[in-house]
Amino acid sequence: MKKLARFLALGSLVCVCCVLCLSMVAIGNEIPPIKPPIIITTCGQSPGAVMVKMSIMQAQIAPVENNNTITASELKGKGYKTLIVTTGTSGKGMGAAGTNVNKEIARCKEVIEEAKKEGILVITAHVEGMARRTDSADQQSIDEIMPLGDVMLVVADSNSDGYFTKLARKYNKPLIEAKDALEIGAKLKEYVEVKK
């Protein structure tokens, strides 16, 4: 009986050690510090980028800018520390801007590539819920852009089916999930590096 008790105690200890080791592995995939100045753009000319900017301003993270047509050359040398690219498309928005999903993806890929050369943290986001996961253009922007970020950012409604949780695991990216668009700024503020 004593041998069985010792065996069970040893088994429990091994389980605890395994859990601690797994926790340490998870820490390796932690969210890096988010630093302003922040620049936000959209891959698809939807209102998501403006929503993110408004929420960040509400959380008093500054400076923050929004430029839905920014190019790689416009990003270069401007001193930005964080780039946020929202996904999900607006046919009306792209029509008004004289662009399409393929041009938007190409532009955003170039901007992200330049950001990485400049040492800028890239956050790819989906913040408008299932309303921006309805057609092939939405999916194309998600598939092409979301995996390119250093961090993924979503709202709960965008991830109600666990899609972005699986995507983050697949690409080994940290995932920030806000309750809704209003909470985005407060959620990001948890990771903002405070200047000393």
Protein backbone atom coordinates (compact mmCIF):
# COMPACT_ATOMS: atom_id res chain seq x y z
CA MET A 1 0.00 0.00 0.00
CA LYS A 2 2.88 2.36 0.86
CA LYS A 3 4.53 1.54 -2.49
CA LEU A 4 1.31 2.43 -4.31
CA ALA A 5 1.05 5.74 -2.41
CA ARG A 6 4.68 6.56 -3.26
CA PHE A 7 4.08 5.65 -6.91
CA LEU A 8 0.99 7.90 -7.07
CA ALA A 9 2.87 10.76 -5.38
CA LEU A 10 5.75 10.39 -7.85
CA GLY A 11 3.26 10.30 -10.74
CA SER A 12 1.63 13.50 -9.47
CA LEU A 13 5.04 15.19 -9.20
CA VAL A 14 5.90 14.21 -12.80
CA CYS A 15 2.55 15.64 -13.98
CA VAL A 16 3.20 18.93 -12.17
CA CYS A 17 6.68 19.17 -13.72
CA CYS A 18 5.22 18.53 -17.18
CA VAL A 19 2.65 21.30 -16.70
CA LEU A 20 5.36 23.72 -15.53
CA CYS A 21 7.51 22.87 -18.54
CA LEU A 22 4.58 23.44 -20.89
CA SER A 23 3.94 26.78 -19.20
CA MET A 24 7.53 27.79 -19.82
CA VAL A 25 7.17 26.86 -23.51
CA ALA A 26 4.05 29.06 -23.71
CA ILE A 27 6.04 31.98 -22.28
CA GLY A 28 8.38 31.68 -25.27
CA ASN A 29 5.40 32.60 -27.45
CA GLU A 30 4.49 35.65 -25.39
CA ILE A 31 3.28 38.90 -26.88
CA PRO A 32 6.20 41.28 -27.45
CA PRO A 33 5.97 44.85 -26.11
CA ILE A 34 3.79 47.14 -28.22
CA LYS A 35 5.40 50.55 -28.74
CA PRO A 36 3.99 53.79 -30.18
CA PRO A 37 4.08 55.51 -32.63
CA ILE A 38 1.48 53.18 -34.17
CA ILE A 39 0.37 53.24 -37.80
CA ILE A 40 -2.80 51.40 -38.86
CA THR A 41 -3.95 50.40 -42.34
CA THR A 42 -6.59 48.14 -43.83
CA CYS A 43 -6.25 45.30 -46.32
CA GLY A 44 -9.60 45.73 -48.02
CA GLN A 45 -10.68 49.32 -47.31
CA SER A 46 -13.13 48.31 -44.58
CA PRO A 47 -13.78 50.53 -41.50
CA GLY A 48 -11.78 48.19 -39.23
CA ALA A 49 -8.62 50.32 -39.25
CA VAL A 50 -10.53 53.44 -38.17
CA MET A 51 -12.28 51.43 -35.42
CA VAL A 52 -8.89 50.25 -34.11
CA LYS A 53 -7.51 53.81 -34.17
CA MET A 54 -10.52 55.18 -32.25
CA SER A 55 -10.24 52.45 -29.62
CA ILE A 56 -6.48 53.03 -29.22
CA MET A 57 -7.06 56.78 -28.83
CA GLN A 58 -9.76 56.05 -26.23
CA ALA A 59 -7.15 54.01 -24.31
CA GLN A 60 -4.81 57.04 -24.47
CA ILE A 61 -2.05 55.26 -26.38
CA ALA A 62 -0.29 57.85 -28.52
CA PRO A 63 0.78 58.75 -31.07
CA VAL A 64 -1.41 56.69 -33.42
CA GLU A 65 -2.19 57.30 -37.10
CA ASN A 66 -4.45 55.70 -39.70
CA ASN A 67 -3.54 55.58 -43.40
CA ASN A 68 -5.62 53.23 -45.55
CA THR A 69 -3.46 53.69 -48.64
CA ILE A 70 0.02 53.75 -47.09
CA THR A 71 2.78 52.27 -49.25
CA ALA A 72 6.11 50.72 -48.30
CA SER A 73 8.00 53.87 -49.35
CA GLU A 74 5.72 56.03 -47.17
CA LEU A 75 6.38 53.79 -44.17
CA LYS A 76 10.15 53.82 -44.52
CA GLY A 77 12.11 56.02 -42.13
CA LYS A 78 9.08 57.56 -40.41
CA GLY A 79 9.91 56.21 -36.94
CA TYR A 80 6.85 53.99 -36.48
CA LYS A 81 7.30 51.21 -33.93
CA THR A 82 4.08 49.24 -34.50
CA LEU A 83 2.08 48.52 -37.66
CA ILE A 84 -1.48 47.17 -37.42
CA VAL A 85 -3.07 45.75 -40.60
CA THR A 86 -6.78 44.92 -40.42
CA THR A 87 -8.30 42.26 -42.68
CA GLY A 88 -11.81 41.79 -44.05
CA THR A 89 -12.89 43.69 -47.14
CA SER A 90 -15.47 46.25 -48.22
CA GLY A 91 -16.47 46.12 -51.88
CA LYS A 92 -17.86 49.63 -51.59
CA GLY A 93 -14.70 50.90 -49.87
CA MET A 94 -12.40 49.32 -52.44
CA GLY A 95 -14.53 50.71 -55.29
CA ALA A 96 -14.35 54.23 -53.84
CA ALA A 97 -10.56 53.90 -53.43
CA GLY A 98 -10.17 52.56 -56.99
CA THR A 99 -8.63 49.29 -55.85
CA ASN A 100 -9.45 45.60 -55.46
CA VAL A 101 -8.57 42.78 -53.08
CA ASN A 102 -5.53 41.64 -55.10
CA LYS A 103 -4.05 45.16 -55.18
CA GLU A 104 -4.79 45.59 -51.46
CA ILE A 105 -3.03 42.32 -50.60
CA ALA A 106 -0.01 43.27 -52.74
CA ARG A 107 0.20 46.72 -51.10
CA CYS A 108 -0.12 45.36 -47.57
CA LYS A 109 2.44 42.62 -48.18
CA GLU A 110 4.95 45.25 -49.35
CA VAL A 111 4.17 47.44 -46.32
CA ILE A 112 4.60 44.48 -43.93
CA GLU A 113 7.87 43.49 -45.61
CA GLU A 114 9.20 47.04 -45.23
CA ALA A 115 8.00 47.16 -41.61
CA LYS A 116 9.97 44.03 -40.80
CA LYS A 117 13.09 45.50 -42.42
CA GLU A 118 12.62 48.60 -40.22
CA GLY A 119 12.24 46.50 -37.06
CA ILE A 120 8.57 47.49 -36.68
CA LEU A 121 6.27 45.13 -34.76
CA VAL A 122 3.51 43.89 -37.09
CA ILE A 123 0.04 43.09 -35.72
CA THR A 124 -2.43 41.55 -38.16
CA ALA A 125 -6.04 41.91 -37.13
CA HIS A 126 -9.65 40.94 -37.78
CA VAL A 127 -11.89 43.21 -35.77
CA GLU A 128 -15.26 43.46 -37.51
CA GLY A 129 -16.72 40.08 -36.57
CA MET A 130 -18.39 37.53 -38.81
CA ALA A 131 -19.72 40.35 -41.02
CA ARG A 132 -16.21 40.48 -42.56
CA ARG A 133 -15.96 36.71 -43.01
CA THR A 134 -18.72 36.28 -45.56
CA ASP A 135 -17.12 36.06 -49.00
CA SER A 136 -14.00 35.02 -50.91
CA ALA A 137 -12.48 38.53 -50.82
CA ASP A 138 -12.73 38.55 -47.00
CA GLN A 139 -11.15 35.11 -46.83
CA GLN A 140 -8.43 36.02 -49.30
CA SER A 141 -7.35 39.03 -47.22
CA ILE A 142 -7.39 36.88 -44.05
CA ASP A 143 -5.45 33.99 -45.61
CA GLU A 144 -2.79 36.20 -47.20
CA ILE A 145 -2.25 38.75 -44.43
CA MET A 146 -3.03 37.26 -40.99
CA PRO A 147 -0.08 34.79 -40.95
CA LEU A 148 2.41 37.61 -41.73
CA GLY A 149 2.03 39.39 -38.38
CA ASP A 150 4.25 38.95 -35.34
CA VAL A 151 1.00 38.98 -33.32
CA MET A 152 -2.63 38.34 -34.30
CA LEU A 153 -5.45 40.51 -32.91
CA VAL A 154 -9.14 39.60 -33.09
CA VAL A 155 -12.45 40.40 -31.45
CA ALA A 156 -14.53 37.61 -29.92
CA ASP A 157 -17.18 37.71 -32.67
CA SER A 158 -14.51 37.23 -35.37
CA ASN A 159 -13.31 34.13 -33.52
CA SER A 160 -16.65 32.68 -32.37
CA ASP A 161 -15.88 29.44 -34.26
CA GLY A 162 -12.26 29.27 -33.02
CA TYR A 163 -10.92 29.92 -36.54
CA PHE A 164 -8.25 32.42 -35.47
CA THR A 165 -7.23 30.37 -32.45
CA LYS A 166 -6.44 27.49 -34.83
CA LEU A 167 -4.72 29.85 -37.29
CA ALA A 168 -2.52 31.31 -34.52
CA ARG A 169 -1.55 27.79 -33.40
CA LYS A 170 -0.84 26.72 -36.99
CA TYR A 171 1.59 29.62 -37.53
CA ASN A 172 2.85 29.67 -33.92
CA LYS A 173 1.76 33.28 -33.38
CA PRO A 174 0.55 34.89 -30.15
CA LEU A 175 -3.13 35.85 -30.26
CA ILE A 176 -4.79 38.80 -28.53
CA GLU A 177 -8.57 38.54 -28.30
CA ALA A 178 -10.66 41.56 -27.28
CA LYS A 179 -14.28 41.26 -26.21
CA ASP A 180 -15.33 43.75 -28.91
CA ALA A 181 -13.97 46.66 -30.94
CA LEU A 182 -14.36 49.06 -28.01
CA GLU A 183 -12.05 46.90 -25.87
CA ILE A 184 -9.22 46.71 -28.43
CA GLY A 185 -7.32 49.74 -27.08
CA ALA A 186 -7.60 48.62 -23.45
CA LYS A 187 -6.45 45.12 -24.41
CA LEU A 188 -3.46 46.42 -26.37
CA LYS A 189 -2.56 48.75 -23.50
CA GLU A 190 -1.81 45.67 -21.38
CA TYR A 191 1.19 45.08 -23.67
CA VAL A 192 2.28 48.67 -24.33
CA GLU A 193 5.85 49.30 -23.26
CA VAL A 194 5.98 52.14 -20.78
CA LYS A 195 8.91 54.54 -21.28
CA LYS A 196 11.05 54.88 -18.13
